[in-house]
PDB file of N, CA and C in Angstrom:
ATOM      1  N   THR A   1       0.810  -1.195   0.000  1.00  0.00           N
ATOM      2  CA  THR A   1       0.000   0.000   0.000  1.00  0.00           C
ATOM      3  C   THR A   1       0.859   1.268   0.000  1.00  0.00           C
ATOM      4  N   CYS A   2       2.074   1.136   0.454  1.00  0.00           N
ATOM      5  CA  CYS A   2       2.958   2.302   0.430  1.00  0.00           C
ATOM      6  C   CYS A   2       3.274   2.690  -1.014  1.00  0.00           C
ATOM      7  N   THR A   3       3.342   1.709  -1.900  1.00  0.00           N
ATOM      8  CA  THR A   3       3.628   1.995  -3.302  1.00  0.00           C
ATOM      9  C   THR A   3       2.528   2.856  -3.914  1.00  0.00           C
ATOM     10  N   PHE A   4       1.280   2.550  -3.597  1.00  0.00           N
ATOM     11  CA  PHE A   4       0.172   3.338  -4.138  1.00  0.00           C
ATOM     12  C   PHE A   4       0.247   4.772  -3.633  1.00  0.00           C
ATOM     13  N   HIS A   5       0.532   4.893  -2.349  1.00  0.00           N
ATOM     14  CA  HIS A   5       0.630   6.232  -1.765  1.00  0.00           C
ATOM     15  C   HIS A   5       1.771   7.017  -2.401  1.00  0.00           C
ATOM     16  N   CYS A   6       2.930   6.392  -2.549  1.00  0.00           N
ATOM     17  CA  CYS A   6       4.087   7.096  -3.124  1.00  0.00           C
ATOM     18  C   CYS A   6       3.852   7.460  -4.590  1.00  0.00           C
ATOM     19  N   ASN A   7       3.241   6.563  -5.350  1.00  0.00           N
ATOM     20  CA  ASN A   7       2.947   6.872  -6.750  1.00  0.00           C
ATOM     21  C   ASN A   7       1.943   8.007  -6.879  1.00  0.00           C
ATOM     22  N   GLY A   8       1.018   8.096  -5.958  1.00  0.00           N
ATOM     23  CA  GLY A   8       0.044   9.169  -5.999  1.00  0.00           C
ATOM     24  C   GLY A   8       0.557  10.454  -5.375  1.00  0.00           C
ATOM     25  N   TYR A   9       1.485  10.335  -4.414  1.00  0.00           N
ATOM     26  CA  TYR A   9       1.933  11.516  -3.683  1.00  0.00           C
ATOM     27  C   TYR A   9       2.994  12.309  -4.427  1.00  0.00           C
ATOM     28  N   TRP A  10       3.784  11.660  -5.253  1.00  0.00           N
ATOM     29  CA  TRP A  10       4.840  12.377  -5.968  1.00  0.00           C
ATOM     30  C   TRP A  10       4.299  13.503  -6.854  1.00  0.00           C
ATOM     31  N   PRO A  11       3.250  13.303  -7.657  1.00  0.00           N
ATOM     32  CA  PRO A  11       2.677  14.439  -8.407  1.00  0.00           C
ATOM     33  C   PRO A  11       2.102  15.517  -7.489  1.00  0.00           C
ATOM     34  N   VAL A  12       1.625  15.131  -6.308  1.00  0.00           N
ATOM     35  CA  VAL A  12       1.133  16.119  -5.349  1.00  0.00           C
ATOM     36  C   VAL A  12       2.281  17.020  -4.908  1.00  0.00           C
ATOM     37  N   VAL A  13       3.421  16.418  -4.616  1.00  0.00           N
ATOM     38  CA  VAL A  13       4.590  17.198  -4.202  1.00  0.00           C
ATOM     39  C   VAL A  13       5.020  18.135  -5.321  1.00  0.00           C
ATOM     40  N   LEU A  14       5.066  17.619  -6.535  1.00  0.00           N
ATOM     41  CA  LEU A  14       5.495  18.459  -7.650  1.00  0.00           C
ATOM     42  C   LEU A  14       4.539  19.618  -7.904  1.00  0.00           C
ATOM     43  N   SER A  15       3.248  19.359  -7.857  1.00  0.00           N
ATOM     44  CA  SER A  15       2.311  20.427  -8.191  1.00  0.00           C
ATOM     45  C   SER A  15       2.056  21.374  -7.025  1.00  0.00           C
ATOM     46  N   LEU A  16       1.848  20.838  -5.828  1.00  0.00           N
ATOM     47  CA  LEU A  16       1.500  21.718  -4.720  1.00  0.00           C
ATOM     48  C   LEU A  16       2.696  22.383  -4.066  1.00  0.00           C
ATOM     49  N   TYR A  17       3.864  21.824  -4.198  1.00  0.00           N
ATOM     50  CA  TYR A  17       5.027  22.446  -3.567  1.00  0.00           C
ATOM     51  C   TYR A  17       5.919  23.152  -4.587  1.00  0.00           C
ATOM     52  N   VAL A  18       6.243  22.481  -5.662  1.00  0.00           N
ATOM     53  CA  VAL A  18       7.159  23.075  -6.641  1.00  0.00           C
ATOM     54  C   VAL A  18       6.426  24.069  -7.546  1.00  0.00           C
ATOM     55  N   ALA A  19       5.362  23.635  -8.202  1.00  0.00           N
ATOM     56  CA  ALA A  19       4.649  24.522  -9.127  1.00  0.00           C
ATOM     57  C   ALA A  19       4.019  25.697  -8.387  1.00  0.00           C
ATOM     58  N   GLN A  20       3.442  25.415  -7.218  1.00  0.00           N
ATOM     59  CA  GLN A  20       2.853  26.503  -6.442  1.00  0.00           C
ATOM     60  C   GLN A  20       3.918  27.505  -6.011  1.00  0.00           C
ATOM     61  N   PHE A  21       5.080  27.028  -5.613  1.00  0.00           N
ATOM     62  CA  PHE A  21       6.148  27.934  -5.211  1.00  0.00           C
ATOM     63  C   PHE A  21       6.569  28.835  -6.371  1.00  0.00           C
ATOM     64  N   LEU A  22       6.666  28.254  -7.554  1.00  0.00           N
ATOM     65  CA  LEU A  22       7.076  29.049  -8.710  1.00  0.00           C
ATOM     66  C   LEU A  22       6.015  30.062  -9.117  1.00  0.00           C
ATOM     67  N   MET A  23       4.745  29.771  -8.834  1.00  0.00           N
ATOM     68  CA  MET A  23       3.660  30.667  -9.227  1.00  0.00           C
ATOM     69  C   MET A  23       3.151  31.533  -8.079  1.00  0.00           C
ATOM     70  N   LEU A  24       3.827  31.520  -6.925  1.00  0.00           N
ATOM     71  CA  LEU A  24       3.318  32.245  -5.753  1.00  0.00           C
ATOM     72  C   LEU A  24       3.050  33.730  -5.976  1.00  0.00           C
ATOM     73  N   PRO A  25       3.926  34.464  -6.664  1.00  0.00           N
ATOM     74  CA  PRO A  25       3.595  35.886  -6.854  1.00  0.00           C
ATOM     75  C   PRO A  25       2.245  36.093  -7.549  1.00  0.00           C
ATOM     76  N   PHE A  26       1.927  35.227  -8.487  1.00  0.00           N
ATOM     77  CA  PHE A  26       0.633  35.330  -9.165  1.00  0.00           C
ATOM     78  C   PHE A  26      -0.490  34.781  -8.288  1.00  0.00           C
ATOM     79  N   LEU A  27      -0.291  33.622  -7.663  1.00  0.00           N
ATOM     80  CA  LEU A  27      -1.352  32.967  -6.898  1.00  0.00           C
ATOM     81  C   LEU A  27      -1.772  33.767  -5.672  1.00  0.00           C
ATOM     82  N   LEU A  28      -0.886  34.568  -5.127  1.00  0.00           N
ATOM     83  CA  LEU A  28      -1.227  35.348  -3.933  1.00  0.00           C
ATOM     84  C   LEU A  28      -1.798  36.719  -4.257  1.00  0.00           C
ATOM     85  N   SER A  29      -1.977  37.021  -5.530  1.00  0.00           N
ATOM     86  CA  SER A  29      -2.587  38.304  -5.899  1.00  0.00           C
ATOM     87  C   SER A  29      -4.084  38.262  -5.582  1.00  0.00           C
ATOM     88  N   ASN A  30      -4.716  39.402  -5.612  1.00  0.00           N
ATOM     89  CA  ASN A  30      -6.123  39.511  -5.222  1.00  0.00           C
ATOM     90  C   ASN A  30      -7.099  39.361  -6.382  1.00  0.00           C
ATOM     91  N   SER A  31      -6.677  38.807  -7.483  1.00  0.00           N
ATOM     92  CA  SER A  31      -7.574  38.694  -8.638  1.00  0.00           C
ATOM     93  C   SER A  31      -8.379  37.391  -8.589  1.00  0.00           C
ATOM     94  N   PHE A  32      -9.483  37.405  -9.300  1.00  0.00           N
ATOM     95  CA  PHE A  32     -10.299  36.199  -9.397  1.00  0.00           C
ATOM     96  C   PHE A  32      -9.569  35.116 -10.185  1.00  0.00           C
ATOM     97  N   LEU A  33      -8.788  35.517 -11.171  1.00  0.00           N
ATOM     98  CA  LEU A  33      -8.031  34.543 -11.962  1.00  0.00           C
ATOM     99  C   LEU A  33      -7.034  33.787 -11.092  1.00  0.00           C
ATOM    100  N   ALA A  34      -6.398  34.488 -10.156  1.00  0.00           N
ATOM    101  CA  ALA A  34      -5.461  33.830  -9.240  1.00  0.00           C
ATOM    102  C   ALA A  34      -6.192  32.814  -8.360  1.00  0.00           C
ATOM    103  N   THR A  35      -7.366  33.176  -7.889  1.00  0.00           N
ATOM    104  CA  THR A  35      -8.168  32.246  -7.086  1.00  0.00           C
ATOM    105  C   THR A  35      -8.583  31.039  -7.913  1.00  0.00           C
ATOM    106  N   PHE A  36      -8.999  31.276  -9.134  1.00  0.00           N
ATOM    107  CA  PHE A  36      -9.403  30.180 -10.016  1.00  0.00           C
ATOM    108  C   PHE A  36      -8.242  29.227 -10.287  1.00  0.00           C
ATOM    109  N   VAL A  37      -7.065  29.762 -10.584  1.00  0.00           N
ATOM    110  CA  VAL A  37      -5.897  28.915 -10.873  1.00  0.00           C
ATOM    111  C   VAL A  37      -5.459  28.158  -9.622  1.00  0.00           C
ATOM    112  N   ALA A  38      -5.416  28.835  -8.482  1.00  0.00           N
ATOM    113  CA  ALA A  38      -4.999  28.182  -7.242  1.00  0.00           C
ATOM    114  C   ALA A  38      -5.971  27.070  -6.852  1.00  0.00           C
ATOM    115  N   ASN A  39      -7.254  27.352  -6.916  1.00  0.00           N
ATOM    116  CA  ASN A  39      -8.247  26.340  -6.570  1.00  0.00           C
ATOM    117  C   ASN A  39      -8.234  25.184  -7.565  1.00  0.00           C
ATOM    118  N   SER A  40      -8.011  25.494  -8.836  1.00  0.00           N
ATOM    119  CA  SER A  40      -7.910  24.429  -9.841  1.00  0.00           C
ATOM    120  C   SER A  40      -6.700  23.552  -9.572  1.00  0.00           C
ATOM    121  N   LEU A  41      -5.591  24.151  -9.205  1.00  0.00           N
ATOM    122  CA  LEU A  41      -4.376  23.397  -8.898  1.00  0.00           C
ATOM    123  C   LEU A  41      -4.620  22.431  -7.741  1.00  0.00           C
ATOM    124  N   TYR A  42      -5.229  22.921  -6.682  1.00  0.00           N
ATOM    125  CA  TYR A  42      -5.507  22.056  -5.529  1.00  0.00           C
ATOM    126  C   TYR A  42      -6.536  20.986  -5.863  1.00  0.00           C
ATOM    127  N   ALA A  43      -7.604  21.345  -6.563  1.00  0.00           N
ATOM    128  CA  ALA A  43      -8.650  20.368  -6.876  1.00  0.00           C
ATOM    129  C   ALA A  43      -8.128  19.268  -7.792  1.00  0.00           C
ATOM    130  N   LEU A  44      -7.399  19.645  -8.821  1.00  0.00           N
ATOM    131  CA  LEU A  44      -6.853  18.632  -9.739  1.00  0.00           C
ATOM    132  C   LEU A  44      -5.844  17.730  -9.034  1.00  0.00           C
ATOM    133  N   THR A  45      -5.039  18.308  -8.188  1.00  0.00           N
ATOM    134  CA  THR A  45      -4.038  17.521  -7.483  1.00  0.00           C
ATOM    135  C   THR A  45      -4.684  16.535  -6.513  1.00  0.00           C
ATOM    136  N   LEU A  46      -5.643  16.994  -5.733  1.00  0.00           N
ATOM    137  CA  LEU A  46      -6.300  16.096  -4.779  1.00  0.00           C
ATOM    138  C   LEU A  46      -7.123  15.017  -5.486  1.00  0.00           C
ATOM    139  N   ALA A  47      -7.784  15.376  -6.573  1.00  0.00           N
ATOM    140  CA  ALA A  47      -8.538  14.381  -7.332  1.00  0.00           C
ATOM    141  C   ALA A  47      -7.601  13.357  -7.972  1.00  0.00           C
ATOM    142  N   TYR A  48      -6.454  13.820  -8.467  1.00  0.00           N
ATOM    143  CA  TYR A  48      -5.483  12.909  -9.070  1.00  0.00           C
ATOM    144  C   TYR A  48      -4.942  11.935  -8.033  1.00  0.00           C
ATOM    145  N   TYR A  49      -4.595  12.420  -6.853  1.00  0.00           N
ATOM    146  CA  TYR A  49      -4.085  11.542  -5.794  1.00  0.00           C
ATOM    147  C   TYR A  49      -5.123  10.486  -5.428  1.00  0.00           C
ATOM    148  N   THR A  50      -6.374  10.898  -5.299  1.00  0.00           N
ATOM    149  CA  THR A  50      -7.436   9.956  -4.954  1.00  0.00           C
ATOM    150  C   THR A  50      -7.617   8.915  -6.052  1.00  0.00           C
ATOM    151  N   TYR A  51      -7.582   9.346  -7.298  1.00  0.00           N
ATOM    152  CA  TYR A  51      -7.785   8.418  -8.412  1.00  0.00           C
ATOM    153  C   TYR A  51      -6.621   7.433  -8.555  1.00  0.00           C
ATOM    154  N   VAL A  52      -5.393   7.903  -8.410  1.00  0.00           N
ATOM    155  CA  VAL A  52      -4.242   7.004  -8.526  1.00  0.00           C
ATOM    156  C   VAL A  52      -4.235   5.993  -7.384  1.00  0.00           C
ATOM    157  N   SER A  53      -4.597   6.418  -6.185  1.00  0.00           N
ATOM    158  CA  SER A  53      -4.695   5.478  -5.060  1.00  0.00           C
ATOM    159  C   SER A  53      -5.787   4.456  -5.323  1.00  0.00           C
ATOM    160  N   PHE A  54      -6.903   4.898  -5.863  1.00  0.00           N
ATOM    161  CA  PHE A  54      -7.991   3.993  -6.217  1.00  0.00           C
ATOM    162  C   PHE A  54      -7.527   2.951  -7.229  1.00  0.00           C
ATOM    163  N   LEU A  55      -6.809   3.388  -8.270  1.00  0.00           N
ATOM    164  CA  LEU A  55      -6.328   2.431  -9.273  1.00  0.00           C
ATOM    165  C   LEU A  55      -5.394   1.397  -8.662  1.00  0.00           C
ATOM    166  N   GLY A  56      -4.544   1.821  -7.759  1.00  0.00           N
ATOM    167  CA  GLY A  56      -3.637   0.872  -7.106  1.00  0.00           C
ATOM    168  C   GLY A  56      -4.376  -0.164  -6.284  1.00  0.00           C
ATOM    169  N   TYR A  57      -5.351   0.272  -5.518  1.00  0.00           N
ATOM    170  CA  TYR A  57      -6.103  -0.669  -4.678  1.00  0.00           C
ATOM    171  C   TYR A  57      -7.014  -1.569  -5.496  1.00  0.00           C
ATOM    172  N   MET A  58      -7.437  -1.139  -6.676  1.00  0.00           N
ATOM    173  CA  MET A  58      -8.290  -1.982  -7.520  1.00  0.00           C
ATOM    174  C   MET A  58      -7.563  -3.237  -7.990  1.00  0.00           C
ATOM    175  N   TYR A  59      -6.243  -3.178  -8.079  1.00  0.00           N
ATOM    176  CA  TYR A  59      -5.486  -4.327  -8.560  1.00  0.00           C
ATOM    177  C   TYR A  59      -5.199  -5.358  -7.480  1.00  0.00           C
ATOM    178  N   LEU A  60      -5.520  -5.071  -6.239  1.00  0.00           N
ATOM    179  CA  LEU A  60      -5.311  -6.057  -5.182  1.00  0.00           C
ATOM    180  C   LEU A  60      -6.479  -7.040  -5.190  1.00  0.00           C
ATOM    181  N   PRO A  61      -6.204  -8.323  -5.436  1.00  0.00           N
ATOM    182  CA  PRO A  61      -7.297  -9.281  -5.626  1.00  0.00           C
ATOM    183  C   PRO A  61      -8.068  -9.590  -4.343  1.00  0.00           C
ATOM    184  N   PHE A  62      -7.508  -9.353  -3.188  1.00  0.00           N
ATOM    185  CA  PHE A  62      -8.171  -9.728  -1.943  1.00  0.00           C
ATOM    186  C   PHE A  62      -9.079  -8.622  -1.383  1.00  0.00           C
ATOM    187  N   LEU A  63      -9.164  -7.489  -2.061  1.00  0.00           N
ATOM    188  CA  LEU A  63     -10.042  -6.411  -1.608  1.00  0.00           C
ATOM    189  C   LEU A  63     -11.373  -6.446  -2.348  1.00  0.00           C
ATOM    190  N   ASN A  64     -12.426  -6.099  -1.644  1.00  0.00           N
ATOM    191  CA  ASN A  64     -13.761  -6.037  -2.223  1.00  0.00           C
ATOM    192  C   ASN A  64     -13.823  -4.841  -3.181  1.00  0.00           C
ATOM    193  N   LYS A  65     -14.145  -5.091  -4.429  1.00  0.00           N
ATOM    194  CA  LYS A  65     -14.123  -4.036  -5.450  1.00  0.00           C
ATOM    195  C   LYS A  65     -15.164  -2.950  -5.195  1.00  0.00           C
ATOM    196  N   GLU A  66     -16.322  -3.320  -4.609  1.00  0.00           N
ATOM    197  CA  GLU A  66     -17.324  -2.290  -4.319  1.00  0.00           C
ATOM    198  C   GLU A  66     -16.850  -1.343  -3.222  1.00  0.00           C
ATOM    199  N   LEU A  67     -16.139  -1.889  -2.237  1.00  0.00           N
ATOM    200  CA  LEU A  67     -15.607  -1.027  -1.181  1.00  0.00           C
ATOM    201  C   LEU A  67     -14.468  -0.153  -1.700  1.00  0.00           C
ATOM    202  N   VAL A  68     -13.663  -0.707  -2.590  1.00  0.00           N
ATOM    203  CA  VAL A  68     -12.573   0.077  -3.149  1.00  0.00           C
ATOM    204  C   VAL A  68     -13.135   1.203  -4.021  1.00  0.00           C
ATOM    205  N   THR A  69     -14.234   0.941  -4.709  1.00  0.00           N
ATOM    206  CA  THR A  69     -14.855   1.971  -5.538  1.00  0.00           C
ATOM    207  C   THR A  69     -15.306   3.160  -4.691  1.00  0.00           C
ATOM    208  N   SER A  70     -15.624   2.914  -3.425  1.00  0.00           N
ATOM    209  CA  SER A  70     -16.034   4.013  -2.552  1.00  0.00           C
ATOM    210  C   SER A  70     -14.882   4.980  -2.267  1.00  0.00           C
ATOM    211  N   MET A  71     -13.663   4.607  -2.627  1.00  0.00           N
ATOM    212  CA  MET A  71     -12.532   5.519  -2.470  1.00  0.00           C
ATOM    213  C   MET A  71     -12.630   6.705  -3.433  1.00  0.00           C
ATOM    214  N   LEU A  72     -13.496   6.611  -4.428  1.00  0.00           N
ATOM    215  CA  LEU A  72     -13.670   7.711  -5.375  1.00  0.00           C
ATOM    216  C   LEU A  72     -14.624   8.781  -4.855  1.00  0.00           C
ATOM    217  N   TYR A  73     -15.371   8.506  -3.793  1.00  0.00           N
ATOM    218  CA  TYR A  73     -16.331   9.475  -3.271  1.00  0.00           C
ATOM    219  C   TYR A  73     -15.713  10.802  -2.837  1.00  0.00           C
ATOM    220  N   PRO A  74     -14.500  10.822  -2.293  1.00  0.00           N
ATOM    221  CA  PRO A  74     -13.925  12.129  -1.930  1.00  0.00           C
ATOM    222  C   PRO A  74     -13.757  13.079  -3.112  1.00  0.00           C
ATOM    223  N   ILE A  75     -13.708  12.557  -4.326  1.00  0.00           N
ATOM    224  CA  ILE A  75     -13.583  13.431  -5.493  1.00  0.00           C
ATOM    225  C   ILE A  75     -14.825  14.312  -5.616  1.00  0.00           C
ATOM    226  N   VAL A  76     -15.977  13.794  -5.234  1.00  0.00           N
ATOM    227  CA  VAL A  76     -17.201  14.592  -5.257  1.00  0.00           C
ATOM    228  C   VAL A  76     -17.074  15.761  -4.278  1.00  0.00           C
ATOM    229  N   ALA A  77     -16.543  15.491  -3.091  1.00  0.00           N
ATOM    230  CA  ALA A  77     -16.348  16.560  -2.105  1.00  0.00           C
ATOM    231  C   ALA A  77     -15.328  17.580  -2.600  1.00  0.00           C
ATOM    232  N   VAL A  78     -14.280  17.115  -3.270  1.00  0.00           N
ATOM    233  CA  VAL A  78     -13.269  18.028  -3.817  1.00  0.00           C
ATOM    234  C   VAL A  78     -13.906  18.940  -4.862  1.00  0.00           C
ATOM    235  N   VAL A  79     -14.736  18.387  -5.724  1.00  0.00           N
ATOM    236  CA  VAL A  79     -15.389  19.193  -6.766  1.00  0.00           C
ATOM    237  C   VAL A  79     -16.351  20.203  -6.136  1.00  0.00           C
ATOM    238  N   LEU A  80     -17.117  19.784  -5.132  1.00  0.00           N
ATOM    239  CA  LEU A  80     -18.041  20.703  -4.475  1.00  0.00           C
ATOM    240  C   LEU A  80     -17.293  21.823  -3.757  1.00  0.00           C
ATOM    241  N   LEU A  81     -16.214  21.496  -3.064  1.00  0.00           N
ATOM    242  CA  LEU A  81     -15.414  22.525  -2.393  1.00  0.00           C
ATOM    243  C   LEU A  81     -14.741  23.443  -3.399  1.00  0.00           C
ATOM    244  N   TYR A  82     -14.324  22.880  -4.511  1.00  0.00           N
ATOM    245  CA  TYR A  82     -13.716  23.700  -5.575  1.00  0.00           C
ATOM    246  C   TYR A  82     -14.698  24.753  -6.076  1.00  0.00           C
ATOM    247  N   VAL A  83     -15.905  24.322  -6.362  1.00  0.00           N
ATOM    248  CA  VAL A  83     -16.918  25.260  -6.856  1.00  0.00           C
ATOM    249  C   VAL A  83     -17.255  26.289  -5.780  1.00  0.00           C
ATOM    250  N   LEU A  84     -17.440  25.839  -4.550  1.00  0.00           N
ATOM    251  CA  LEU A  84     -17.781  26.748  -3.459  1.00  0.00           C
ATOM    252  C   LEU A  84     -16.682  27.776  -3.215  1.00  0.00           C
ATOM    253  N   PHE A  85     -15.431  27.310  -3.108  1.00  0.00           N
ATOM    254  CA  PHE A  85     -14.308  28.224  -2.856  1.00  0.00           C
ATOM    255  C   PHE A  85     -14.121  29.199  -4.007  1.00  0.00           C
ATOM    256  N   THR A  86     -14.304  28.726  -5.229  1.00  0.00           N
ATOM    257  CA  THR A  86     -14.109  29.609  -6.379  1.00  0.00           C
ATOM    258  C   THR A  86     -15.207  30.668  -6.453  1.00  0.00           C
ATOM    259  N   VAL A  87     -16.443  30.266  -6.218  1.00  0.00           N
ATOM    260  CA  VAL A  87     -17.546  31.224  -6.257  1.00  0.00           C
ATOM    261  C   VAL A  87     -17.407  32.258  -5.135  1.00  0.00           C
ATOM    262  N   LEU A  88     -16.964  31.823  -3.950  1.00  0.00           N
ATOM    263  CA  LEU A  88     -16.801  32.744  -2.824  1.00  0.00           C
ATOM    264  C   LEU A  88     -15.466  33.481  -2.850  1.00  0.00           C
ATOM    265  N   ASN A  89     -14.653  33.215  -3.873  1.00  0.00           N
ATOM    266  CA  ASN A  89     -13.342  33.857  -4.047  1.00  0.00           C
ATOM    267  C   ASN A  89     -12.404  33.576  -2.866  1.00  0.00           C
ATOM    268  N   ILE A  90     -12.419  32.319  -2.391  1.00  0.00           N
ATOM    269  CA  ILE A  90     -11.517  31.876  -1.340  1.00  0.00           C
ATOM    270  C   ILE A  90     -10.347  31.190  -2.022  1.00  0.00           C
ATOM    271  N   ASN A  91      -9.162  31.747  -1.877  1.00  0.00           N
ATOM    272  CA  ASN A  91      -7.969  31.245  -2.546  1.00  0.00           C
ATOM    273  C   ASN A  91      -7.362  30.104  -1.724  1.00  0.00           C
ATOM    274  N   ALA A  92      -7.294  28.910  -2.304  1.00  0.00           N
ATOM    275  CA  ALA A  92      -6.777  27.744  -1.596  1.00  0.00           C
ATOM    276  C   ALA A  92      -5.298  27.893  -1.261  1.00  0.00           C
ATOM    277  N   SER A  93      -4.537  28.545  -2.105  1.00  0.00           N
ATOM    278  CA  SER A  93      -3.118  28.752  -1.825  1.00  0.00           C
ATOM    279  C   SER A  93      -2.934  29.668  -0.624  1.00  0.00           C
ATOM    280  N   ARG A  94      -3.695  30.732  -0.570  1.00  0.00           N
ATOM    281  CA  ARG A  94      -3.624  31.631   0.586  1.00  0.00           C
ATOM    282  C   ARG A  94      -4.038  30.912   1.858  1.00  0.00           C
ATOM    283  N   PHE A  95      -5.078  30.120   1.775  1.00  0.00           N
ATOM    284  CA  PHE A  95      -5.562  29.382   2.934  1.00  0.00           C
ATOM    285  C   PHE A  95      -4.495  28.405   3.433  1.00  0.00           C
ATOM    286  N   ALA A  96      -3.905  27.623   2.522  1.00  0.00           N
ATOM    287  CA  ALA A  96      -2.903  26.631   2.912  1.00  0.00           C
ATOM    288  C   ALA A  96      -1.635  27.298   3.444  1.00  0.00           C
ATOM    289  N   LEU A  97      -1.173  28.324   2.769  1.00  0.00           N
ATOM    290  CA  LEU A  97       0.032  29.003   3.226  1.00  0.00           C
ATOM    291  C   LEU A  97      -0.202  29.728   4.543  1.00  0.00           C
ATOM    292  N   GLY A  98      -1.394  30.277   4.725  1.00  0.00           N
ATOM    293  CA  GLY A  98      -1.721  30.891   6.004  1.00  0.00           C
ATOM    294  C   GLY A  98      -1.777  29.875   7.127  1.00  0.00           C
ATOM    295  N   PHE A  99      -2.246  28.686   6.812  1.00  0.00           N
ATOM    296  CA  PHE A  99      -2.305  27.621   7.816  1.00  0.00           C
ATOM    297  C   PHE A  99      -0.902  27.198   8.247  1.00  0.00           C
ATOM    298  N   PHE A 100       0.016  27.092   7.291  1.00  0.00           N
ATOM    299  CA  PHE A 100       1.346  26.611   7.606  1.00  0.00           C
ATOM    300  C   PHE A 100       2.285  27.683   8.132  1.00  0.00           C
ATOM    301  N   PHE A 101       2.082  28.938   7.740  1.00  0.00           N
ATOM    302  CA  PHE A 101       3.082  29.966   8.036  1.00  0.00           C
ATOM    303  C   PHE A 101       2.575  31.114   8.892  1.00  0.00           C
ATOM    304  N   THR A 102       1.526  30.934   9.653  1.00  0.00           N
ATOM    305  CA  THR A 102       1.086  31.989  10.558  1.00  0.00           C
ATOM    306  C   THR A 102       1.697  31.774  11.932  1.00  0.00           C
ATOM    307  N   ALA A 103       1.654  32.802  12.748  1.00  0.00           N
ATOM    308  CA  ALA A 103       2.244  32.722  14.091  1.00  0.00           C
ATOM    309  C   ALA A 103       1.486  31.719  14.953  1.00  0.00           C
ATOM    310  N   ALA A 104       0.196  31.542  14.694  1.00  0.00           N
ATOM    311  CA  ALA A 104      -0.586  30.593  15.482  1.00  0.00           C
ATOM    312  C   ALA A 104      -0.140  29.157  15.247  1.00  0.00           C
ATOM    313  N   ALA A 105       0.414  28.881  14.079  1.00  0.00           N
ATOM    314  CA  ALA A 105       0.860  27.522  13.755  1.00  0.00           C
ATOM    315  C   ALA A 105       2.242  27.230  14.318  1.00  0.00           C
ATOM    316  N   ALA A 106       2.943  28.257  14.770  1.00  0.00           N
ATOM    317  CA  ALA A 106       4.300  28.060  15.289  1.00  0.00           C
ATOM    318  C   ALA A 106       4.236  27.442  16.690  1.00  0.00           C
ATOM    319  N   PRO A 107       5.142  26.520  16.975  1.00  0.00           N
ATOM    320  CA  PRO A 107       5.143  25.912  18.313  1.00  0.00           C
ATOM    321  C   PRO A 107       5.593  26.930  19.363  1.00  0.00           C
ATOM    322  N   SER A 108       5.014  26.813  20.529  1.00  0.00           N
ATOM    323  CA  SER A 108       5.390  27.726  21.609  1.00  0.00           C
ATOM    324  C   SER A 108       6.702  27.260  22.245  1.00  0.00           C
ATOM    325  N   PRO A 109       7.520  28.197  22.739  1.00  0.00           N
ATOM    326  CA  PRO A 109       8.823  27.810  23.304  1.00  0.00           C
ATOM    327  C   PRO A 109       8.717  27.101  24.623  1.00  0.00           C
TER     328      PRO A 109
END
């Protein structure tokens, strides 16, 4: 199962850490286009990770295929959150970076 996770996680690292870092000046701007691109980046990445993990688990013969198919349900939530965040102009990059790099997230001494 670690293989499925690693195969799905590597594109997540490339897109959410490397590509986002290179596009940060644009993604952190206050335009709707920046919000659309940032939210699209997160939605596509999370949906891709879920789908690749699903494909890996489908090949295991000892797992129930109907239960494994339920691993695709989070993609529906990702799509709904994508639409909601985009319509409300909530930038996923700003949200994630604020979560990781605010003073509240820093450990106390």
